[in-house]
Amino acid sequence: MSTQQTKDRRRSSDLAYSVLADKRRRYAVHYLKQRAEPVPLRDLAEQVAAWENDKPVAALSSKERKRVYIAMYQSHLNTLAKEGIVDYDADRGMVSISDAFADLDVYLEVVPGGTIPWSLYYVGLSVVDGLLLLVAWLDLWPFGAVPDLTWGGVVLVSFAASAFVQTYQTRRMRFGDEVPPPELQGGR
């Protein structure tokens, strides 16, 4: 990797973490990714306010709507647009996720609190499966009674099942899925 690529990658991760450190901005990006088309600022602000206040859009007070709308209009959307995360047409009041956001998506995987990181899980699984294969190879009782190919199948199934579970959880905790933002699903 060239020095320029390293600098670009560092800038991208710094940008993702600093600009999206604000909850309203994360909620806005999540909603815009869900919609995948330009949306009116009013609709965006209402949904962000609903998630922020943990209530349906229809149950929001005018004060809750207005507070988020003003913050989005005066600050958040300008910041997101300046950094190339959203496309914001202030004259028309329309907002959409930018094409450039895809470059930041890799930094935004949400890991739910209280869980074991997948990297450590796979290290542990490798150790357990390695020990299983070792005792089967040494023909230690009761493992020697089962054919070696069966133990190889057990190892394969354990890794395949783990990969499917990881894929499911990762997709469920991604920005822009058709569910509330990851942090409202317990992914804090």
N, C-alpha and C. Protein backbone atom coordinates (compact mmCIF):
# COMPACT_ATOMS: atom_id res chain seq x y z
N MET A 1 0.85 -1.17 0.00
CA MET A 1 0.00 0.00 0.00
C MET A 1 0.90 1.24 0.00
N SER A 2 0.57 2.19 -0.86
CA SER A 2 1.38 3.39 -0.97
C SER A 2 1.12 4.31 0.22
N THR A 3 2.02 5.27 0.40
CA THR A 3 1.88 6.24 1.48
C THR A 3 0.60 7.05 1.31
N GLN A 4 0.26 7.41 0.07
CA GLN A 4 -0.95 8.18 -0.19
C GLN A 4 -2.20 7.36 0.16
N GLN A 5 -2.20 6.07 -0.18
CA GLN A 5 -3.34 5.23 0.16
C GLN A 5 -3.50 5.11 1.67
N THR A 6 -2.39 5.00 2.38
CA THR A 6 -2.43 4.93 3.84
C THR A 6 -3.00 6.22 4.41
N LYS A 7 -2.56 7.37 3.89
CA LYS A 7 -3.08 8.66 4.36
C LYS A 7 -4.56 8.78 4.06
N ASP A 8 -4.99 8.36 2.86
CA ASP A 8 -6.41 8.43 2.50
C ASP A 8 -7.25 7.54 3.41
N ARG A 9 -6.75 6.35 3.70
CA ARG A 9 -7.48 5.42 4.57
C ARG A 9 -7.58 6.00 5.99
N ARG A 10 -6.47 6.59 6.49
CA ARG A 10 -6.49 7.19 7.83
C ARG A 10 -7.46 8.36 7.87
N ARG A 11 -7.47 9.20 6.81
CA ARG A 11 -8.39 10.32 6.76
C ARG A 11 -9.83 9.83 6.73
N SER A 12 -10.10 8.76 5.98
CA SER A 12 -11.45 8.21 5.91
C SER A 12 -11.93 7.72 7.27
N SER A 13 -11.07 6.99 7.98
CA SER A 13 -11.49 6.49 9.29
C SER A 13 -11.64 7.64 10.28
N ASP A 14 -10.74 8.61 10.25
CA ASP A 14 -10.87 9.77 11.13
C ASP A 14 -12.16 10.52 10.84
N LEU A 15 -12.47 10.69 9.56
CA LEU A 15 -13.69 11.37 9.15
C LEU A 15 -14.91 10.62 9.65
N ALA A 16 -14.94 9.33 9.43
CA ALA A 16 -16.09 8.53 9.85
C ALA A 16 -16.32 8.64 11.34
N TYR A 17 -15.25 8.54 12.12
CA TYR A 17 -15.41 8.56 13.56
C TYR A 17 -15.71 9.95 14.10
N SER A 18 -15.13 10.98 13.54
CA SER A 18 -15.36 12.33 14.08
C SER A 18 -16.70 12.89 13.64
N VAL A 19 -17.01 12.82 12.36
CA VAL A 19 -18.26 13.40 11.87
C VAL A 19 -19.46 12.60 12.39
N LEU A 20 -19.32 11.30 12.48
CA LEU A 20 -20.44 10.48 12.92
C LEU A 20 -20.43 10.22 14.43
N ALA A 21 -19.65 10.99 15.16
CA ALA A 21 -19.65 10.86 16.61
C ALA A 21 -20.96 11.38 17.19
N ASP A 22 -21.63 12.25 16.45
CA ASP A 22 -22.90 12.82 16.91
C ASP A 22 -24.06 11.87 16.57
N LYS A 23 -24.88 11.59 17.55
CA LYS A 23 -25.99 10.65 17.40
C LYS A 23 -26.97 11.09 16.30
N ARG A 24 -27.29 12.36 16.23
CA ARG A 24 -28.23 12.83 15.20
C ARG A 24 -27.67 12.60 13.80
N ARG A 25 -26.39 12.80 13.64
CA ARG A 25 -25.79 12.55 12.33
C ARG A 25 -25.84 11.08 11.97
N ARG A 26 -25.57 10.21 12.95
CA ARG A 26 -25.65 8.77 12.70
C ARG A 26 -27.08 8.37 12.32
N TYR A 27 -28.05 8.90 13.05
CA TYR A 27 -29.45 8.61 12.74
C TYR A 27 -29.80 9.10 11.34
N ALA A 28 -29.33 10.28 10.99
CA ALA A 28 -29.62 10.83 9.65
C ALA A 28 -29.03 9.94 8.57
N VAL A 29 -27.78 9.53 8.74
CA VAL A 29 -27.13 8.66 7.76
C VAL A 29 -27.87 7.33 7.66
N HIS A 30 -28.25 6.79 8.79
CA HIS A 30 -28.97 5.52 8.80
C HIS A 30 -30.27 5.64 7.99
N TYR A 31 -31.03 6.69 8.24
CA TYR A 31 -32.30 6.89 7.54
C TYR A 31 -32.08 7.11 6.04
N LEU A 32 -31.09 7.91 5.70
CA LEU A 32 -30.82 8.18 4.29
C LEU A 32 -30.37 6.92 3.55
N LYS A 33 -29.61 6.07 4.23
CA LYS A 33 -29.23 4.79 3.60
C LYS A 33 -30.44 3.89 3.43
N GLN A 34 -31.36 3.93 4.39
CA GLN A 34 -32.58 3.14 4.26
C GLN A 34 -33.38 3.56 3.03
N ARG A 35 -33.52 4.84 2.86
CA ARG A 35 -34.36 5.37 1.79
C ARG A 35 -33.69 5.26 0.42
N ALA A 36 -32.39 5.44 0.35
CA ALA A 36 -31.61 5.31 -0.89
C ALA A 36 -32.11 6.22 -2.01
N GLU A 37 -32.77 7.30 -1.65
CA GLU A 37 -33.23 8.31 -2.61
C GLU A 37 -33.34 9.63 -1.87
N PRO A 38 -33.37 10.74 -2.59
CA PRO A 38 -33.51 12.03 -1.91
C PRO A 38 -34.80 12.10 -1.10
N VAL A 39 -34.69 12.64 0.10
CA VAL A 39 -35.85 12.80 0.98
C VAL A 39 -35.94 14.25 1.42
N PRO A 40 -37.15 14.72 1.69
CA PRO A 40 -37.30 16.09 2.22
C PRO A 40 -36.67 16.20 3.61
N LEU A 41 -36.06 17.32 3.87
CA LEU A 41 -35.45 17.57 5.17
C LEU A 41 -36.46 17.36 6.29
N ARG A 42 -37.69 17.77 6.08
CA ARG A 42 -38.74 17.61 7.09
C ARG A 42 -38.92 16.15 7.47
N ASP A 43 -38.98 15.24 6.47
CA ASP A 43 -39.13 13.81 6.75
C ASP A 43 -37.93 13.26 7.51
N LEU A 44 -36.75 13.68 7.10
CA LEU A 44 -35.52 13.24 7.77
C LEU A 44 -35.53 13.69 9.22
N ALA A 45 -35.84 14.96 9.47
CA ALA A 45 -35.84 15.49 10.83
C ALA A 45 -36.89 14.79 11.70
N GLU A 46 -38.05 14.49 11.12
CA GLU A 46 -39.08 13.80 11.89
C GLU A 46 -38.63 12.40 12.31
N GLN A 47 -38.01 11.67 11.39
CA GLN A 47 -37.57 10.32 11.74
C GLN A 47 -36.46 10.35 12.77
N VAL A 48 -35.52 11.27 12.62
CA VAL A 48 -34.44 11.40 13.60
C VAL A 48 -35.04 11.75 14.97
N ALA A 49 -35.99 12.66 14.99
CA ALA A 49 -36.64 13.04 16.26
C ALA A 49 -37.38 11.85 16.87
N ALA A 50 -38.02 11.05 16.03
CA ALA A 50 -38.74 9.87 16.53
C ALA A 50 -37.78 8.89 17.19
N TRP A 51 -36.66 8.61 16.52
CA TRP A 51 -35.68 7.69 17.12
C TRP A 51 -35.07 8.29 18.39
N GLU A 52 -34.79 9.58 18.34
CA GLU A 52 -34.19 10.25 19.49
C GLU A 52 -35.11 10.24 20.70
N ASN A 53 -36.40 10.36 20.47
CA ASN A 53 -37.38 10.42 21.57
C ASN A 53 -38.07 9.08 21.83
N ASP A 54 -37.65 8.05 21.10
CA ASP A 54 -38.18 6.70 21.27
C ASP A 54 -39.71 6.66 21.19
N LYS A 55 -40.22 7.25 20.10
CA LYS A 55 -41.66 7.23 19.87
C LYS A 55 -41.92 7.29 18.37
N PRO A 56 -43.11 6.91 17.94
CA PRO A 56 -43.43 6.99 16.51
C PRO A 56 -43.50 8.44 16.04
N VAL A 57 -43.30 8.64 14.75
CA VAL A 57 -43.34 9.98 14.18
C VAL A 57 -44.66 10.67 14.51
N ALA A 58 -45.76 9.95 14.42
CA ALA A 58 -47.08 10.54 14.67
C ALA A 58 -47.24 11.05 16.10
N ALA A 59 -46.47 10.50 17.04
CA ALA A 59 -46.60 10.90 18.44
C ALA A 59 -45.68 12.05 18.83
N LEU A 60 -44.88 12.56 17.90
CA LEU A 60 -43.96 13.65 18.21
C LEU A 60 -44.70 14.96 18.44
N SER A 61 -44.20 15.74 19.38
CA SER A 61 -44.75 17.09 19.57
C SER A 61 -44.10 18.03 18.56
N SER A 62 -44.71 19.16 18.34
CA SER A 62 -44.13 20.13 17.40
C SER A 62 -42.78 20.64 17.91
N LYS A 63 -42.64 20.72 19.22
CA LYS A 63 -41.37 21.16 19.81
C LYS A 63 -40.25 20.15 19.51
N GLU A 64 -40.54 18.86 19.64
CA GLU A 64 -39.55 17.82 19.35
C GLU A 64 -39.15 17.84 17.87
N ARG A 65 -40.12 18.00 17.00
CA ARG A 65 -39.85 18.07 15.57
C ARG A 65 -38.98 19.28 15.24
N LYS A 66 -39.39 20.42 15.78
CA LYS A 66 -38.71 21.69 15.47
C LYS A 66 -37.27 21.69 15.96
N ARG A 67 -37.05 21.18 17.18
CA ARG A 67 -35.70 21.15 17.75
C ARG A 67 -34.73 20.39 16.84
N VAL A 68 -35.16 19.24 16.35
CA VAL A 68 -34.29 18.43 15.48
C VAL A 68 -34.17 19.08 14.10
N TYR A 69 -35.27 19.59 13.57
CA TYR A 69 -35.25 20.22 12.25
C TYR A 69 -34.25 21.37 12.23
N ILE A 70 -34.30 22.21 13.23
CA ILE A 70 -33.40 23.39 13.28
C ILE A 70 -31.95 22.94 13.38
N ALA A 71 -31.67 21.96 14.23
CA ALA A 71 -30.30 21.46 14.37
C ALA A 71 -29.80 20.84 13.07
N MET A 72 -30.65 20.09 12.40
CA MET A 72 -30.25 19.48 11.13
C MET A 72 -29.99 20.57 10.09
N TYR A 73 -30.89 21.54 10.00
CA TYR A 73 -30.80 22.61 9.01
C TYR A 73 -29.58 23.51 9.24
N GLN A 74 -29.36 23.89 10.49
CA GLN A 74 -28.30 24.86 10.79
C GLN A 74 -26.91 24.25 10.90
N SER A 75 -26.82 23.00 11.27
CA SER A 75 -25.51 22.45 11.58
C SER A 75 -25.21 21.10 10.92
N HIS A 76 -25.98 20.11 11.28
CA HIS A 76 -25.62 18.74 10.94
C HIS A 76 -25.53 18.46 9.44
N LEU A 77 -26.52 18.91 8.68
CA LEU A 77 -26.49 18.62 7.25
C LEU A 77 -25.36 19.34 6.54
N ASN A 78 -25.05 20.56 6.99
CA ASN A 78 -23.92 21.28 6.39
C ASN A 78 -22.61 20.53 6.66
N THR A 79 -22.45 20.02 7.86
CA THR A 79 -21.23 19.26 8.19
C THR A 79 -21.15 17.99 7.36
N LEU A 80 -22.25 17.26 7.28
CA LEU A 80 -22.26 16.02 6.51
C LEU A 80 -22.03 16.28 5.02
N ALA A 81 -22.60 17.36 4.51
CA ALA A 81 -22.42 17.71 3.09
C ALA A 81 -20.99 18.17 2.82
N LYS A 82 -20.44 18.96 3.72
CA LYS A 82 -19.06 19.45 3.55
C LYS A 82 -18.07 18.29 3.48
N GLU A 83 -18.32 17.25 4.23
CA GLU A 83 -17.43 16.09 4.26
C GLU A 83 -17.77 15.06 3.18
N GLY A 84 -18.79 15.34 2.38
CA GLY A 84 -19.12 14.45 1.27
C GLY A 84 -19.92 13.22 1.66
N ILE A 85 -20.51 13.22 2.83
CA ILE A 85 -21.28 12.06 3.28
C ILE A 85 -22.70 12.11 2.73
N VAL A 86 -23.26 13.31 2.64
CA VAL A 86 -24.59 13.47 2.07
C VAL A 86 -24.56 14.52 0.96
N ASP A 87 -25.56 14.45 0.11
CA ASP A 87 -25.81 15.49 -0.87
C ASP A 87 -27.00 16.28 -0.35
N TYR A 88 -26.81 17.57 -0.15
CA TYR A 88 -27.84 18.40 0.47
C TYR A 88 -28.14 19.60 -0.42
N ASP A 89 -29.35 19.68 -0.89
CA ASP A 89 -29.81 20.81 -1.68
C ASP A 89 -30.68 21.67 -0.76
N ALA A 90 -30.07 22.68 -0.15
CA ALA A 90 -30.76 23.52 0.83
C ALA A 90 -31.91 24.29 0.19
N ASP A 91 -31.77 24.69 -1.07
CA ASP A 91 -32.82 25.45 -1.74
C ASP A 91 -34.10 24.61 -1.90
N ARG A 92 -33.95 23.37 -2.25
CA ARG A 92 -35.10 22.48 -2.43
C ARG A 92 -35.46 21.75 -1.13
N GLY A 93 -34.56 21.77 -0.14
CA GLY A 93 -34.81 21.07 1.11
C GLY A 93 -34.75 19.56 0.97
N MET A 94 -33.89 19.07 0.06
CA MET A 94 -33.77 17.63 -0.20
C MET A 94 -32.38 17.13 0.22
N VAL A 95 -32.36 15.93 0.77
CA VAL A 95 -31.13 15.33 1.27
C VAL A 95 -31.06 13.89 0.78
N SER A 96 -29.85 13.43 0.43
CA SER A 96 -29.65 12.02 0.07
C SER A 96 -28.24 11.61 0.49
N ILE A 97 -28.05 10.32 0.63
CA ILE A 97 -26.73 9.78 0.95
C ILE A 97 -25.86 9.94 -0.30
N SER A 98 -24.61 10.28 -0.13
CA SER A 98 -23.73 10.48 -1.29
C SER A 98 -23.15 9.15 -1.74
N ASP A 99 -22.71 9.12 -2.98
CA ASP A 99 -22.05 7.92 -3.50
C ASP A 99 -20.73 7.67 -2.76
N ALA A 100 -20.09 8.74 -2.31
CA ALA A 100 -18.80 8.62 -1.63
C ALA A 100 -18.92 7.97 -0.25
N PHE A 101 -20.13 7.90 0.29
CA PHE A 101 -20.30 7.30 1.61
C PHE A 101 -19.89 5.84 1.63
N ALA A 102 -20.00 5.15 0.52
CA ALA A 102 -19.63 3.74 0.46
C ALA A 102 -18.18 3.51 0.91
N ASP A 103 -17.31 4.50 0.71
CA ASP A 103 -15.91 4.38 1.14
C ASP A 103 -15.79 4.36 2.67
N LEU A 104 -16.77 4.93 3.37
CA LEU A 104 -16.72 4.98 4.83
C LEU A 104 -17.42 3.79 5.47
N ASP A 105 -18.26 3.11 4.74
CA ASP A 105 -19.07 2.03 5.28
C ASP A 105 -18.25 0.97 6.01
N VAL A 106 -17.04 0.70 5.54
CA VAL A 106 -16.19 -0.33 6.14
C VAL A 106 -15.83 0.00 7.60
N TYR A 107 -15.86 1.28 7.96
CA TYR A 107 -15.49 1.68 9.32
C TYR A 107 -16.67 1.67 10.27
N LEU A 108 -17.85 1.36 9.78
CA LEU A 108 -19.04 1.56 10.57
C LEU A 108 -19.73 0.29 11.04
N GLU A 109 -19.04 -0.82 11.03
CA GLU A 109 -19.64 -2.05 11.55
C GLU A 109 -19.85 -1.88 13.05
N VAL A 110 -21.04 -2.20 13.50
CA VAL A 110 -21.39 -2.03 14.91
C VAL A 110 -21.20 -3.36 15.62
N VAL A 111 -20.48 -3.32 16.73
CA VAL A 111 -20.27 -4.51 17.54
C VAL A 111 -21.08 -4.34 18.82
N PRO A 112 -22.11 -5.17 19.03
CA PRO A 112 -22.94 -5.02 20.22
C PRO A 112 -22.12 -5.16 21.50
N GLY A 113 -22.47 -4.36 22.49
CA GLY A 113 -21.79 -4.43 23.78
C GLY A 113 -22.02 -5.78 24.44
N GLY A 114 -21.06 -6.22 25.21
CA GLY A 114 -21.19 -7.48 25.94
C GLY A 114 -20.98 -8.72 25.09
N THR A 115 -20.48 -8.56 23.87
CA THR A 115 -20.23 -9.73 23.03
C THR A 115 -18.74 -9.92 22.85
N ILE A 116 -18.37 -11.13 22.49
CA ILE A 116 -16.97 -11.45 22.22
C ILE A 116 -16.68 -11.00 20.79
N PRO A 117 -15.60 -10.28 20.56
CA PRO A 117 -15.25 -9.93 19.18
C PRO A 117 -15.06 -11.20 18.35
N TRP A 118 -15.49 -11.13 17.10
CA TRP A 118 -15.42 -12.30 16.24
C TRP A 118 -14.00 -12.82 16.08
N SER A 119 -13.02 -11.94 16.07
CA SER A 119 -11.63 -12.40 15.92
C SER A 119 -11.24 -13.32 17.08
N LEU A 120 -11.61 -12.97 18.31
CA LEU A 120 -11.31 -13.83 19.46
C LEU A 120 -12.13 -15.12 19.42
N TYR A 121 -13.36 -15.03 18.98
CA TYR A 121 -14.20 -16.21 18.85
C TYR A 121 -13.55 -17.23 17.92
N TYR A 122 -13.07 -16.76 16.77
CA TYR A 122 -12.46 -17.69 15.80
C TYR A 122 -11.13 -18.25 16.31
N VAL A 123 -10.39 -17.50 17.09
CA VAL A 123 -9.16 -18.04 17.70
C VAL A 123 -9.55 -19.18 18.65
N GLY A 124 -10.55 -18.94 19.48
CA GLY A 124 -11.00 -19.99 20.41
C GLY A 124 -11.54 -21.20 19.68
N LEU A 125 -12.31 -20.98 18.65
CA LEU A 125 -12.85 -22.09 17.86
C LEU A 125 -11.73 -22.90 17.21
N SER A 126 -10.71 -22.21 16.72
CA SER A 126 -9.56 -22.89 16.12
C SER A 126 -8.83 -23.76 17.13
N VAL A 127 -8.64 -23.24 18.34
CA VAL A 127 -7.96 -24.01 19.38
C VAL A 127 -8.78 -25.25 19.74
N VAL A 128 -10.07 -25.08 19.96
CA VAL A 128 -10.93 -26.22 20.33
C VAL A 128 -10.96 -27.26 19.20
N ASP A 129 -11.15 -26.80 17.97
CA ASP A 129 -11.18 -27.74 16.84
C ASP A 129 -9.83 -28.40 16.62
N GLY A 130 -8.75 -27.66 16.83
CA GLY A 130 -7.40 -28.24 16.70
C GLY A 130 -7.16 -29.33 17.73
N LEU A 131 -7.57 -29.07 18.97
CA LEU A 131 -7.44 -30.09 20.02
C LEU A 131 -8.30 -31.32 19.71
N LEU A 132 -9.50 -31.09 19.19
CA LEU A 132 -10.38 -32.18 18.81
C LEU A 132 -9.72 -33.06 17.74
N LEU A 133 -9.15 -32.42 16.73
CA LEU A 133 -8.49 -33.18 15.66
C LEU A 133 -7.24 -33.90 16.18
N LEU A 134 -6.53 -33.28 17.12
CA LEU A 134 -5.33 -33.91 17.69
C LEU A 134 -5.69 -35.18 18.44
N VAL A 135 -6.69 -35.13 19.31
CA VAL A 135 -7.04 -36.33 20.07
C VAL A 135 -7.65 -37.40 19.16
N ALA A 136 -8.33 -36.99 18.10
CA ALA A 136 -8.84 -37.97 17.13
C ALA A 136 -7.69 -38.62 16.38
N TRP A 137 -6.69 -37.84 16.00
CA TRP A 137 -5.53 -38.36 15.28
C TRP A 137 -4.72 -39.32 16.16
N LEU A 138 -4.64 -39.00 17.46
CA LEU A 138 -3.91 -39.86 18.41
C LEU A 138 -4.72 -41.09 18.81
N ASP A 139 -5.93 -41.21 18.32
CA ASP A 139 -6.83 -42.33 18.62
C ASP A 139 -7.09 -42.50 20.12
N LEU A 140 -7.19 -41.36 20.82
CA LEU A 140 -7.53 -41.42 22.24
C LEU A 140 -9.01 -41.74 22.41
N TRP A 141 -9.30 -42.54 23.44
CA TRP A 141 -10.67 -42.94 23.68
C TRP A 141 -11.48 -41.75 24.15
N PRO A 142 -12.67 -41.49 23.75
CA PRO A 142 -13.55 -42.21 22.83
C PRO A 142 -13.43 -41.70 21.39
N PHE A 143 -12.53 -40.75 21.17
CA PHE A 143 -12.43 -40.10 19.86
C PHE A 143 -11.90 -41.04 18.77
N GLY A 144 -11.12 -42.04 19.15
CA GLY A 144 -10.56 -42.97 18.18
C GLY A 144 -11.61 -43.87 17.55
N ALA A 145 -12.77 -44.00 18.19
CA ALA A 145 -13.82 -44.87 17.68
C ALA A 145 -14.57 -44.24 16.50
N VAL A 146 -14.38 -42.95 16.32
CA VAL A 146 -15.07 -42.23 15.23
C VAL A 146 -14.06 -41.97 14.12
N PRO A 147 -14.44 -42.21 12.86
CA PRO A 147 -13.51 -42.00 11.74
C PRO A 147 -13.00 -40.55 11.68
N ASP A 148 -11.73 -40.40 11.26
CA ASP A 148 -11.11 -39.08 11.17
C ASP A 148 -11.89 -38.13 10.25
N LEU A 149 -12.44 -38.67 9.18
CA LEU A 149 -13.20 -37.84 8.24
C LEU A 149 -14.42 -37.21 8.92
N THR A 150 -15.02 -37.93 9.85
CA THR A 150 -16.16 -37.39 10.60
C THR A 150 -15.73 -36.18 11.42
N TRP A 151 -14.56 -36.29 12.06
CA TRP A 151 -14.07 -35.16 12.86
C TRP A 151 -13.75 -33.96 11.97
N GLY A 152 -13.22 -34.26 10.78
CA GLY A 152 -12.99 -33.17 9.82
C GLY A 152 -14.30 -32.48 9.45
N GLY A 153 -15.37 -33.28 9.30
CA GLY A 153 -16.69 -32.72 9.02
C GLY A 153 -17.21 -31.87 10.16
N VAL A 154 -16.96 -32.31 11.39
CA VAL A 154 -17.38 -31.54 12.57
C VAL A 154 -16.68 -30.17 12.57
N VAL A 155 -15.39 -30.15 12.27
CA VAL A 155 -14.64 -28.89 12.22
C VAL A 155 -15.21 -27.99 11.12
N LEU A 156 -15.44 -28.56 9.95
CA LEU A 156 -15.99 -27.79 8.84
C LEU A 156 -17.34 -27.19 9.19
N VAL A 157 -18.22 -27.99 9.77
CA VAL A 157 -19.55 -27.51 10.15
C VAL A 157 -19.46 -26.42 11.22
N SER A 158 -18.55 -26.58 12.17
CA SER A 158 -18.44 -25.56 13.23
C SER A 158 -18.01 -24.21 12.66
N PHE A 159 -17.09 -24.21 11.70
CA PHE A 159 -16.66 -22.95 11.08
C PHE A 159 -17.75 -22.39 10.16
N ALA A 160 -18.41 -23.27 9.42
CA ALA A 160 -19.47 -22.80 8.51
C ALA A 160 -20.63 -22.20 9.30
N ALA A 161 -21.06 -22.87 10.36
CA ALA A 161 -22.15 -22.34 11.18
C ALA A 161 -21.77 -21.00 11.81
N SER A 162 -20.53 -20.90 12.28
CA SER A 162 -20.06 -19.64 12.86
C SER A 162 -20.06 -18.52 11.83
N ALA A 163 -19.63 -18.83 10.62
CA ALA A 163 -19.60 -17.82 9.56
C ALA A 163 -21.01 -17.34 9.22
N PHE A 164 -21.97 -18.26 9.16
CA PHE A 164 -23.35 -17.86 8.87
C PHE A 164 -23.91 -16.98 9.99
N VAL A 165 -23.65 -17.33 11.24
CA VAL A 165 -24.13 -16.52 12.36
C VAL A 165 -23.49 -15.14 12.32
N GLN A 166 -22.19 -15.08 12.06
CA GLN A 166 -21.51 -13.79 11.98
C GLN A 166 -22.08 -12.94 10.85
N THR A 167 -22.32 -13.53 9.70
CA THR A 167 -22.89 -12.80 8.57
C THR A 167 -24.26 -12.24 8.93
N TYR A 168 -25.09 -13.04 9.56
CA TYR A 168 -26.42 -12.59 9.96
C TYR A 168 -26.33 -11.42 10.94
N GLN A 169 -25.51 -11.56 11.97
CA GLN A 169 -25.41 -10.50 12.97
C GLN A 169 -24.82 -9.22 12.38
N THR A 170 -23.84 -9.36 11.51
CA THR A 170 -23.22 -8.18 10.91
C THR A 170 -24.23 -7.44 10.04
N ARG A 171 -25.02 -8.15 9.29
CA ARG A 171 -26.03 -7.50 8.44
C ARG A 171 -27.12 -6.84 9.27
N ARG A 172 -27.44 -7.42 10.40
CA ARG A 172 -28.49 -6.88 11.26
C ARG A 172 -28.04 -5.59 11.94
N MET A 173 -26.75 -5.42 12.10
CA MET A 173 -26.21 -4.27 12.84
C MET A 173 -25.52 -3.28 11.90
N ARG A 174 -26.03 -3.12 10.70
CA ARG A 174 -25.41 -2.26 9.72
C ARG A 174 -26.21 -0.98 9.54
N PHE A 175 -25.53 0.13 9.27
CA PHE A 175 -26.20 1.38 8.97
C PHE A 175 -27.07 1.20 7.74
N GLY A 176 -28.30 1.70 7.81
CA GLY A 176 -29.17 1.71 6.66
C GLY A 176 -30.06 0.50 6.51
N ASP A 177 -30.01 -0.46 7.43
CA ASP A 177 -30.92 -1.59 7.35
C ASP A 177 -32.34 -1.10 7.60
N GLU A 178 -33.32 -1.91 7.28
CA GLU A 178 -34.72 -1.53 7.41
C GLU A 178 -35.23 -1.64 8.84
N VAL A 179 -34.40 -1.41 9.79
CA VAL A 179 -34.75 -1.43 11.21
C VAL A 179 -34.21 -0.15 11.82
N PRO A 180 -34.57 0.13 13.09
CA PRO A 180 -34.00 1.33 13.72
C PRO A 180 -32.47 1.26 13.73
N PRO A 181 -31.81 2.39 13.97
CA PRO A 181 -30.34 2.41 14.01
C PRO A 181 -29.78 1.36 14.97
N PRO A 182 -28.59 0.84 14.68
CA PRO A 182 -28.02 -0.23 15.51
C PRO A 182 -27.97 0.09 17.00
N GLU A 183 -27.67 1.32 17.36
CA GLU A 183 -27.57 1.62 18.80
C GLU A 183 -28.93 1.56 19.50
N LEU A 184 -30.01 1.64 18.76
CA LEU A 184 -31.34 1.48 19.36
C LEU A 184 -31.76 0.02 19.43
N GLN A 185 -30.96 -0.86 18.84
CA GLN A 185 -31.22 -2.31 18.88
C GLN A 185 -30.38 -2.98 19.95
N GLY A 186 -29.72 -2.22 20.78
CA GLY A 186 -28.85 -2.80 21.79
C GLY A 186 -27.43 -2.92 21.34
N GLY A 187 -27.06 -2.25 20.23
CA GLY A 187 -25.71 -2.33 19.71
C GLY A 187 -24.83 -1.21 20.19
N ARG A 188 -25.04 -0.74 21.39
CA ARG A 188 -24.26 0.39 21.90
C ARG A 188 -22.87 -0.02 22.27
